[in-house]
PDB file of N, CA and C in Angstrom:
ATOM      1  N   ALA A   1      -6.222  28.060  11.803  1.00  0.00           N
ATOM      2  CA  ALA A   1      -5.393  27.777  11.506  1.00  0.00           C
ATOM      3  C   ALA A   1      -3.949  27.527  12.138  1.00  0.00           C
ATOM      4  N   GLN A   2      -3.186  26.400  12.207  1.00  0.00           N
ATOM      5  CA  GLN A   2      -1.790  26.300  12.681  1.00  0.00           C
ATOM      6  C   GLN A   2      -0.848  26.643  11.703  1.00  0.00           C
ATOM      7  N   GLN A   3       0.386  27.339  11.963  1.00  0.00           N
ATOM      8  CA  GLN A   3       1.568  26.898  10.993  1.00  0.00           C
ATOM      9  C   GLN A   3       2.541  26.240  11.394  1.00  0.00           C
ATOM     10  N   GLY A   4       3.032  25.385  10.444  1.00  0.00           N
ATOM     11  CA  GLY A   4       3.862  24.449  10.599  1.00  0.00           C
ATOM     12  C   GLY A   4       4.896  23.924   9.556  1.00  0.00           C
ATOM     13  N   ALA A   5       5.541  23.119   9.786  1.00  0.00           N
ATOM     14  CA  ALA A   5       6.613  22.782   8.663  1.00  0.00           C
ATOM     15  C   ALA A   5       6.316  22.861   6.933  1.00  0.00           C
ATOM     16  N   GLU A   6       4.795  22.397   7.196  1.00  0.00           N
ATOM     17  CA  GLU A   6       4.258  22.111   5.523  1.00  0.00           C
ATOM     18  C   GLU A   6       3.618  23.693   5.320  1.00  0.00           C
ATOM     19  N   GLY A   7       3.637  24.742   5.888  1.00  0.00           N
ATOM     20  CA  GLY A   7       2.842  25.379   5.937  1.00  0.00           C
ATOM     21  C   GLY A   7       1.729  25.675   6.965  1.00  0.00           C
ATOM     22  N   GLU A   8       0.756  26.426   6.498  1.00  0.00           N
ATOM     23  CA  GLU A   8      -0.454  26.836   7.159  1.00  0.00           C
ATOM     24  C   GLU A   8      -1.169  25.697   6.983  1.00  0.00           C
ATOM     25  N   ARG A   9      -1.853  25.143   7.925  1.00  0.00           N
ATOM     26  CA  ARG A   9      -3.029  23.990   8.313  1.00  0.00           C
ATOM     27  C   ARG A   9      -4.076  24.465   8.613  1.00  0.00           C
ATOM     28  N   ILE A  10      -5.329  23.691   8.722  1.00  0.00           N
ATOM     29  CA  ILE A  10      -6.821  23.906   8.934  1.00  0.00           C
ATOM     30  C   ILE A  10      -6.934  22.411   9.450  1.00  0.00           C
ATOM     31  N   ALA A  11      -7.718  22.675  10.788  1.00  0.00           N
ATOM     32  CA  ALA A  11      -8.409  21.592  11.611  1.00  0.00           C
ATOM     33  C   ALA A  11      -9.270  21.361  11.046  1.00  0.00           C
ATOM     34  N   LEU A  12     -10.027  20.204  10.537  1.00  0.00           N
ATOM     35  CA  LEU A  12     -11.165  19.755  10.157  1.00  0.00           C
ATOM     36  C   LEU A  12     -11.347  19.001  11.457  1.00  0.00           C
ATOM     37  N   LEU A  13     -12.858  19.497  12.178  1.00  0.00           N
ATOM     38  CA  LEU A  13     -13.210  18.863  13.372  1.00  0.00           C
ATOM     39  C   LEU A  13     -14.808  18.709  13.182  1.00  0.00           C
ATOM     40  N   ALA A  14     -15.369  17.663  13.572  1.00  0.00           N
ATOM     41  CA  ALA A  14     -16.882  17.208  13.599  1.00  0.00           C
ATOM     42  C   ALA A  14     -17.293  17.049  15.071  1.00  0.00           C
ATOM     43  N   VAL A  15     -18.360  17.415  15.377  1.00  0.00           N
ATOM     44  CA  VAL A  15     -19.307  17.105  16.522  1.00  0.00           C
ATOM     45  C   VAL A  15     -20.185  15.590  16.026  1.00  0.00           C
ATOM     46  N   SER A  16     -19.982  14.326  16.795  1.00  0.00           N
ATOM     47  CA  SER A  16     -20.427  13.396  16.405  1.00  0.00           C
ATOM     48  C   SER A  16     -20.911  12.501  17.689  1.00  0.00           C
ATOM     49  N   ASP A  17     -21.992  11.769  17.521  1.00  0.00           N
ATOM     50  CA  ASP A  17     -22.583  10.977  18.576  1.00  0.00           C
ATOM     51  C   ASP A  17     -21.802  10.412  19.029  1.00  0.00           C
ATOM     52  N   ALA A  18     -21.979  10.000  20.423  1.00  0.00           N
ATOM     53  CA  ALA A  18     -21.178   9.124  21.374  1.00  0.00           C
ATOM     54  C   ALA A  18     -20.960   7.956  21.162  1.00  0.00           C
ATOM     55  N   ASP A  19     -21.545   7.217  20.023  1.00  0.00           N
ATOM     56  CA  ASP A  19     -21.582   5.801  19.792  1.00  0.00           C
ATOM     57  C   ASP A  19     -20.466   5.661  18.527  1.00  0.00           C
ATOM     58  N   ALA A  20     -20.176   6.920  18.059  1.00  0.00           N
ATOM     59  CA  ALA A  20     -19.008   6.831  16.983  1.00  0.00           C
ATOM     60  C   ALA A  20     -17.712   6.730  17.344  1.00  0.00           C
ATOM     61  N   ARG A  21     -16.868   5.823  16.604  1.00  0.00           N
ATOM     62  CA  ARG A  21     -15.507   5.835  17.442  1.00  0.00           C
ATOM     63  C   ARG A  21     -14.514   6.347  16.190  1.00  0.00           C
ATOM     64  N   GLU A  22     -15.108   6.424  14.993  1.00  0.00           N
ATOM     65  CA  GLU A  22     -13.775   7.297  14.128  1.00  0.00           C
ATOM     66  C   GLU A  22     -14.539   7.796  13.128  1.00  0.00           C
ATOM     67  N   LEU A  23     -13.760   8.881  12.664  1.00  0.00           N
ATOM     68  CA  LEU A  23     -14.728   9.869  11.699  1.00  0.00           C
ATOM     69  C   LEU A  23     -13.556   9.625  10.204  1.00  0.00           C
ATOM     70  N   HIS A  24     -14.244   9.602   9.400  1.00  0.00           N
ATOM     71  CA  HIS A  24     -13.539   9.548   7.826  1.00  0.00           C
ATOM     72  C   HIS A  24     -13.688  10.783   7.121  1.00  0.00           C
ATOM     73  N   TRP A  25     -12.491  11.537   6.783  1.00  0.00           N
ATOM     74  CA  TRP A  25     -13.014  12.967   6.048  1.00  0.00           C
ATOM     75  C   TRP A  25     -12.408  12.693   4.800  1.00  0.00           C
ATOM     76  N   PHE A  26     -13.278  13.343   3.857  1.00  0.00           N
ATOM     77  CA  PHE A  26     -12.984  13.430   2.351  1.00  0.00           C
ATOM     78  C   PHE A  26     -13.055  14.700   1.842  1.00  0.00           C
ATOM     79  N   LEU A  27     -12.591  15.077   0.804  1.00  0.00           N
ATOM     80  CA  LEU A  27     -12.461  16.464   0.088  1.00  0.00           C
ATOM     81  C   LEU A  27     -12.637  16.085  -1.270  1.00  0.00           C
ATOM     82  N   GLY A  28     -14.132  16.817  -1.682  1.00  0.00           N
ATOM     83  CA  GLY A  28     -14.181  16.418  -3.328  1.00  0.00           C
ATOM     84  C   GLY A  28     -14.472  14.922  -3.408  1.00  0.00           C
ATOM     85  N   GLY A  29     -13.355  14.103  -3.924  1.00  0.00           N
ATOM     86  CA  GLY A  29     -13.607  12.491  -4.460  1.00  0.00           C
ATOM     87  C   GLY A  29     -12.710  12.074  -3.676  1.00  0.00           C
ATOM     88  N   SER A  30     -11.735  12.925  -3.173  1.00  0.00           N
ATOM     89  CA  SER A  30     -10.541  12.467  -2.249  1.00  0.00           C
ATOM     90  C   SER A  30     -10.770  11.942  -0.755  1.00  0.00           C
ATOM     91  N   TYR A  31     -10.155  10.778  -0.435  1.00  0.00           N
ATOM     92  CA  TYR A  31     -10.064  10.511   0.730  1.00  0.00           C
ATOM     93  C   TYR A  31      -8.937  11.034   1.337  1.00  0.00           C
ATOM     94  N   LEU A  32      -9.360  12.022   2.776  1.00  0.00           N
ATOM     95  CA  LEU A  32      -8.011  12.548   3.336  1.00  0.00           C
ATOM     96  C   LEU A  32      -7.366  11.756   4.618  1.00  0.00           C
ATOM     97  N   GLY A  33      -8.478  11.095   5.124  1.00  0.00           N
ATOM     98  CA  GLY A  33      -7.968  10.508   6.637  1.00  0.00           C
ATOM     99  C   GLY A  33      -8.717   9.936   7.229  1.00  0.00           C
ATOM    100  N   ARG A  34      -8.699   9.334   8.587  1.00  0.00           N
ATOM    101  CA  ARG A  34      -9.594   8.887   9.801  1.00  0.00           C
ATOM    102  C   ARG A  34      -9.224   9.669  10.806  1.00  0.00           C
ATOM    103  N   VAL A  35      -9.962   9.841  11.614  1.00  0.00           N
ATOM    104  CA  VAL A  35      -9.260  10.115  13.045  1.00  0.00           C
ATOM    105  C   VAL A  35     -10.470   9.583  14.312  1.00  0.00           C
ATOM    106  N   LYS A  36     -10.108   9.367  15.290  1.00  0.00           N
ATOM    107  CA  LYS A  36     -10.726   9.365  16.562  1.00  0.00           C
ATOM    108  C   LYS A  36     -11.488  10.377  16.701  1.00  0.00           C
ATOM    109  N   ARG A  37     -12.942  10.009  17.198  1.00  0.00           N
ATOM    110  CA  ARG A  37     -14.086  10.797  17.537  1.00  0.00           C
ATOM    111  C   ARG A  37     -13.583  12.034  18.472  1.00  0.00           C
ATOM    112  N   GLY A  38     -13.638  13.078  18.195  1.00  0.00           N
ATOM    113  CA  GLY A  38     -13.164  14.156  18.924  1.00  0.00           C
ATOM    114  C   GLY A  38     -11.730  14.741  18.698  1.00  0.00           C
ATOM    115  N   ALA A  39     -11.188  14.002  17.800  1.00  0.00           N
ATOM    116  CA  ALA A  39      -9.771  14.885  17.342  1.00  0.00           C
ATOM    117  C   ALA A  39     -10.043  15.266  15.999  1.00  0.00           C
ATOM    118  N   PRO A  40      -9.045  16.239  15.780  1.00  0.00           N
ATOM    119  CA  PRO A  40      -9.034  17.373  14.476  1.00  0.00           C
ATOM    120  C   PRO A  40      -8.357  16.366  13.522  1.00  0.00           C
ATOM    121  N   LEU A  41      -8.526  16.535  12.373  1.00  0.00           N
ATOM    122  CA  LEU A  41      -8.109  16.088  11.034  1.00  0.00           C
ATOM    123  C   LEU A  41      -7.352  17.257  10.409  1.00  0.00           C
ATOM    124  N   TRP A  42      -6.080  17.231  10.546  1.00  0.00           N
ATOM    125  CA  TRP A  42      -5.251  18.183   9.734  1.00  0.00           C
ATOM    126  C   TRP A  42      -4.896  18.576   8.520  1.00  0.00           C
ATOM    127  N   TRP A  43      -5.542  19.721   7.911  1.00  0.00           N
ATOM    128  CA  TRP A  43      -5.136  19.675   6.213  1.00  0.00           C
ATOM    129  C   TRP A  43      -4.540  20.763   5.872  1.00  0.00           C
ATOM    130  N   THR A  44      -3.696  20.735   4.743  1.00  0.00           N
ATOM    131  CA  THR A  44      -2.890  21.716   4.459  1.00  0.00           C
ATOM    132  C   THR A  44      -3.745  22.273   3.360  1.00  0.00           C
ATOM    133  N   PRO A  45      -4.573  23.343   3.367  1.00  0.00           N
ATOM    134  CA  PRO A  45      -5.163  24.032   2.174  1.00  0.00           C
ATOM    135  C   PRO A  45      -4.630  24.382   0.770  1.00  0.00           C
ATOM    136  N   ARG A  46      -5.267  24.245  -0.106  1.00  0.00           N
ATOM    137  CA  ARG A  46      -4.691  25.107  -1.120  1.00  0.00           C
ATOM    138  C   ARG A  46      -5.880  25.915  -2.009  1.00  0.00           C
ATOM    139  N   PRO A  47      -5.842  27.065  -2.582  1.00  0.00           N
ATOM    140  CA  PRO A  47      -7.101  27.697  -3.235  1.00  0.00           C
ATOM    141  C   PRO A  47      -7.842  26.863  -4.112  1.00  0.00           C
ATOM    142  N   GLY A  48      -9.131  27.533  -3.561  1.00  0.00           N
ATOM    143  CA  GLY A  48     -10.227  26.801  -4.707  1.00  0.00           C
ATOM    144  C   GLY A  48     -11.656  26.470  -3.911  1.00  0.00           C
ATOM    145  N   ARG A  49     -12.579  25.857  -4.360  1.00  0.00           N
ATOM    146  CA  ARG A  49     -13.792  25.560  -3.493  1.00  0.00           C
ATOM    147  C   ARG A  49     -13.761  24.303  -3.613  1.00  0.00           C
ATOM    148  N   PHE A  50     -14.160  23.771  -2.358  1.00  0.00           N
ATOM    149  CA  PHE A  50     -14.332  22.337  -2.075  1.00  0.00           C
ATOM    150  C   PHE A  50     -15.797  21.909  -1.570  1.00  0.00           C
ATOM    151  N   VAL A  51     -16.064  20.599  -1.654  1.00  0.00           N
ATOM    152  CA  VAL A  51     -16.940  20.330  -0.502  1.00  0.00           C
ATOM    153  C   VAL A  51     -16.187  18.929   0.226  1.00  0.00           C
ATOM    154  N   VAL A  52     -16.119  19.616   1.665  1.00  0.00           N
ATOM    155  CA  VAL A  52     -15.605  18.715   2.785  1.00  0.00           C
ATOM    156  C   VAL A  52     -16.986  17.840   3.293  1.00  0.00           C
ATOM    157  N   ARG A  53     -16.331  16.772   3.671  1.00  0.00           N
ATOM    158  CA  ARG A  53     -17.554  15.589   4.007  1.00  0.00           C
ATOM    159  C   ARG A  53     -16.995  14.775   4.980  1.00  0.00           C
ATOM    160  N   VAL A  54     -17.475  14.737   6.197  1.00  0.00           N
ATOM    161  CA  VAL A  54     -17.269  13.577   7.144  1.00  0.00           C
ATOM    162  C   VAL A  54     -18.260  12.417   7.508  1.00  0.00           C
ATOM    163  N   VAL A  55     -17.998  11.260   7.517  1.00  0.00           N
ATOM    164  CA  VAL A  55     -18.588  10.057   7.714  1.00  0.00           C
ATOM    165  C   VAL A  55     -18.367   9.414   8.803  1.00  0.00           C
ATOM    166  N   ASP A  56     -19.262   8.972   9.687  1.00  0.00           N
ATOM    167  CA  ASP A  56     -18.764   8.264  10.993  1.00  0.00           C
ATOM    168  C   ASP A  56     -18.772   6.803  10.703  1.00  0.00           C
ATOM    169  N   ASP A  57     -18.269   6.065  11.723  1.00  0.00           N
ATOM    170  CA  ASP A  57     -18.068   4.571  11.427  1.00  0.00           C
ATOM    171  C   ASP A  57     -19.588   4.156  11.008  1.00  0.00           C
ATOM    172  N   SER A  58     -20.697   4.519  11.331  1.00  0.00           N
ATOM    173  CA  SER A  58     -22.220   4.097  11.464  1.00  0.00           C
ATOM    174  C   SER A  58     -22.773   4.265   9.896  1.00  0.00           C
ATOM    175  N   GLY A  59     -22.025   5.585   9.274  1.00  0.00           N
ATOM    176  CA  GLY A  59     -22.165   5.729   7.891  1.00  0.00           C
ATOM    177  C   GLY A  59     -23.300   7.117   8.071  1.00  0.00           C
ATOM    178  N   ARG A  60     -23.350   7.819   9.271  1.00  0.00           N
ATOM    179  CA  ARG A  60     -23.927   9.141   9.507  1.00  0.00           C
ATOM    180  C   ARG A  60     -23.115  10.234   8.560  1.00  0.00           C
ATOM    181  N   ALA A  61     -23.503  11.087   7.866  1.00  0.00           N
ATOM    182  CA  ALA A  61     -22.409  12.055   7.110  1.00  0.00           C
ATOM    183  C   ALA A  61     -22.903  13.352   7.002  1.00  0.00           C
ATOM    184  N   ALA A  62     -22.132  14.325   7.218  1.00  0.00           N
ATOM    185  CA  ALA A  62     -22.233  15.882   7.000  1.00  0.00           C
ATOM    186  C   ALA A  62     -21.278  16.203   5.959  1.00  0.00           C
ATOM    187  N   SER A  63     -21.758  17.412   5.297  1.00  0.00           N
ATOM    188  CA  SER A  63     -20.621  18.030   4.406  1.00  0.00           C
ATOM    189  C   SER A  63     -20.885  19.543   4.454  1.00  0.00           C
ATOM    190  N   GLN A  64     -19.868  20.150   3.688  1.00  0.00           N
ATOM    191  CA  GLN A  64     -20.069  21.584   3.719  1.00  0.00           C
ATOM    192  C   GLN A  64     -18.944  22.241   3.006  1.00  0.00           C
ATOM    193  N   GLU A  65     -19.594  23.034   1.854  1.00  0.00           N
ATOM    194  CA  GLU A  65     -18.956  23.618   1.117  1.00  0.00           C
ATOM    195  C   GLU A  65     -18.023  24.918   1.791  1.00  0.00           C
ATOM    196  N   LEU A  66     -16.233  24.528   0.729  1.00  0.00           N
ATOM    197  CA  LEU A  66     -15.323  25.399   1.560  1.00  0.00           C
ATOM    198  C   LEU A  66     -14.887  26.191   0.556  1.00  0.00           C
ATOM    199  N   ARG A  67     -14.392  27.200   0.732  1.00  0.00           N
ATOM    200  CA  ARG A  67     -13.589  28.362  -0.330  1.00  0.00           C
ATOM    201  C   ARG A  67     -12.229  28.617   0.466  1.00  0.00           C
ATOM    202  N   VAL A  68     -11.251  28.388  -0.488  1.00  0.00           N
ATOM    203  CA  VAL A  68     -10.023  28.570   0.289  1.00  0.00           C
ATOM    204  C   VAL A  68      -9.454  29.721  -0.790  1.00  0.00           C
ATOM    205  N   GLU A  69      -8.948  30.970  -0.077  1.00  0.00           N
ATOM    206  CA  GLU A  69      -8.229  31.776  -1.218  1.00  0.00           C
ATOM    207  C   GLU A  69      -6.652  32.159  -0.576  1.00  0.00           C
ATOM    208  N   ALA A  70      -5.749  32.549  -1.319  1.00  0.00           N
ATOM    209  CA  ALA A  70      -4.527  32.677  -1.482  1.00  0.00           C
ATOM    210  C   ALA A  70      -4.393  33.864  -0.489  1.00  0.00           C
ATOM    211  N   ALA A  71      -3.881  34.201   0.273  1.00  0.00           N
ATOM    212  CA  ALA A  71      -3.434  35.482   0.856  1.00  0.00           C
ATOM    213  C   ALA A  71      -2.717  36.046   0.373  1.00  0.00           C
ATOM    214  N   VAL A  72      -2.969  37.353   0.326  1.00  0.00           N
ATOM    215  CA  VAL A  72      -1.823  38.590  -0.838  1.00  0.00           C
ATOM    216  C   VAL A  72      -0.855  39.187   0.470  1.00  0.00           C
ATOM    217  N   ARG A  73       0.241  38.823   0.168  1.00  0.00           N
ATOM    218  CA  ARG A  73       1.446  39.307   1.066  1.00  0.00           C
ATOM    219  C   ARG A  73       2.262  40.249   0.748  1.00  0.00           C
TER     220      ARG A  73
END
């Protein structure tokens, strides 16, 4: 995670085939954005359970369940 002006951020990063040019990121049913292959997508987390999905420009996809908990300070 990285501390930024918006607060803590998480780098979403996927390993893809060499022929992929772009990766499209989704959180549940919401589109988060696209990045070039090998680049992270920075996401500002909020508490909850999510399914993170990444799809390359050839339609290959992967998904992972993610649970975010608020830190007690």
